[in-house]
Protein backbone atom coordinates (compact mmCIF):
# COMPACT_ATOMS: atom_id res chain seq x y z
CA MET A 1 -0.02 -0.02 0.02
CA LEU A 2 1.40 3.38 -1.08
CA ILE A 3 1.29 6.32 1.34
CA GLU A 4 0.42 9.52 -0.49
CA GLU A 5 2.74 12.36 -0.09
CA PRO A 6 0.99 15.53 1.25
CA THR A 7 0.17 18.17 -1.45
CA LYS A 8 1.76 21.47 -1.48
CA ARG A 9 -1.32 23.02 -0.02
CA GLN A 10 -1.59 20.49 2.80
CA ARG A 11 2.04 21.18 3.67
CA SER A 12 1.42 24.90 3.69
CA ILE A 13 -1.59 24.64 5.93
CA ARG A 14 0.36 22.51 8.34
CA GLN A 15 3.31 24.92 8.36
CA GLU A 16 0.83 27.93 8.79
CA ASP A 17 -0.68 26.09 11.80
CA ARG A 18 2.74 25.31 13.27
CA PHE A 19 3.95 28.85 13.04
CA ALA A 20 0.73 30.30 14.49
CA LYS A 21 0.97 27.76 17.40
CA GLU A 22 4.48 28.51 18.10
CA LEU A 23 3.98 32.41 18.12
CA GLY A 24 0.68 32.04 20.22
CA GLY A 25 -1.62 33.09 17.26
CA LYS A 26 -4.00 31.70 14.65
CA ARG A 27 -3.78 30.70 11.19
CA ASN A 28 -6.04 32.95 8.92
CA LYS A 29 -8.62 30.82 6.95
CA GLY A 30 -7.91 31.33 3.28
CA SER A 31 -4.28 31.94 4.01
CA GLY A 32 -4.18 35.71 3.23
CA SER A 33 -6.27 35.26 0.17
CA TRP A 34 -8.92 37.60 1.31
CA LYS A 35 -8.30 41.40 1.27
CA PHE A 36 -9.97 41.79 4.63
CA ARG A 37 -8.01 39.01 6.21
CA PRO A 38 -4.14 39.42 5.25
CA GLY A 39 -1.40 37.38 5.96
CA ASP A 40 -1.17 33.61 6.77
CA ALA A 41 -1.23 33.85 10.39
CA LYS A 42 -1.43 36.49 13.14
CA THR A 43 -1.07 37.12 16.88
CA THR A 44 -2.18 40.11 18.78
CA HIS A 45 0.95 42.05 17.83
CA GLU A 46 2.35 40.21 14.69
CA LEU A 47 1.32 39.46 11.14
CA LEU A 48 3.06 36.59 9.53
CA GLU A 49 3.48 35.56 5.79
CA THR A 50 4.94 32.07 5.31
CA LYS A 51 6.51 30.20 2.52
CA THR A 52 7.53 26.59 2.32
CA THR A 53 10.09 24.98 -0.01
CA THR A 54 11.44 21.54 -0.68
CA LYS A 55 14.72 23.05 -2.09
CA GLN A 56 17.85 23.97 -0.22
CA SER A 57 17.11 27.72 -0.85
CA TYR A 58 14.36 30.21 -0.96
CA ARG A 59 14.63 33.52 -2.90
CA LEU A 60 12.86 36.34 -0.84
CA HIS A 61 11.74 39.28 -2.89
CA THR A 62 11.31 42.78 -1.66
CA ASP A 63 7.71 42.53 -3.12
CA GLU A 64 6.92 40.06 -0.50
CA LEU A 65 8.37 42.04 2.17
CA LYS A 66 6.61 45.21 1.06
CA GLN A 67 3.19 43.41 0.96
CA ILE A 68 3.50 41.95 4.53
CA THR A 69 4.85 45.31 5.87
CA GLU A 70 2.05 47.26 4.32
CA GLU A 71 -0.59 44.69 5.53
CA ALA A 72 0.96 44.63 9.01
CA SER A 73 0.99 48.43 9.29
CA ARG A 74 -2.66 48.55 8.36
CA SER A 75 -3.60 46.26 11.26
CA LEU A 76 -0.95 47.83 13.70
CA ARG A 77 1.09 44.60 13.77
CA THR A 78 4.75 43.79 13.45
CA PRO A 79 5.43 42.00 9.97
CA LEU A 80 7.07 38.76 10.09
CA PHE A 81 8.00 36.48 7.20
CA GLY A 82 8.43 32.70 7.78
CA VAL A 83 10.17 30.12 5.73
CA THR A 84 10.20 26.40 6.11
CA PHE A 85 12.97 24.34 4.38
CA GLU A 86 11.29 20.98 4.37
CA GLN A 87 14.37 19.14 3.32
CA ALA A 88 16.91 21.00 5.64
CA PRO A 89 19.93 19.11 6.45
CA PHE A 90 20.74 17.62 9.73
CA GLY A 91 21.83 20.32 12.27
CA VAL A 92 19.84 23.15 10.39
CA GLU A 93 16.52 23.99 11.78
CA LYS A 94 13.83 23.90 9.16
CA ASP A 95 11.72 26.80 10.33
CA TRP A 96 13.00 30.47 10.09
CA VAL A 97 11.40 33.86 10.62
CA VAL A 98 12.66 37.02 9.09
CA VAL A 99 12.18 40.25 10.98
CA PRO A 100 12.88 43.88 10.27
CA LEU A 101 16.17 44.98 11.77
CA SER A 102 14.23 47.53 13.97
CA VAL A 103 12.19 45.00 15.46
CA TRP A 104 15.05 42.71 16.09
CA ARG A 105 16.66 45.68 18.14
CA THR A 106 13.70 45.88 20.31
CA ILE A 107 13.74 42.21 20.99
CA GLN A 108 17.45 42.28 21.93
CA CYS A 109 17.12 45.35 24.40
């Protein structure tokens, strides 16, 4: 009996749920596809866009950062960008979060 691999959509939903739970928030139903419900997940203070890849790299474009920044600003939240490397090699965490440097500075203080 063959076990079916999860679809990209199923992997994305699991990733969004995992990030939301880790951050103490909720996944947005429709995954940011509705204008009135931006981002993939949110907490009280953050709005998160997520991407998942089976490759060893992910090319992050400024358009993606601009979009989540504008959406977060409209909802008075901090923009976060999560990336999951599903095939991360041993010793490398598979889930990463990109934050603006100005936000990182406040976390470090």
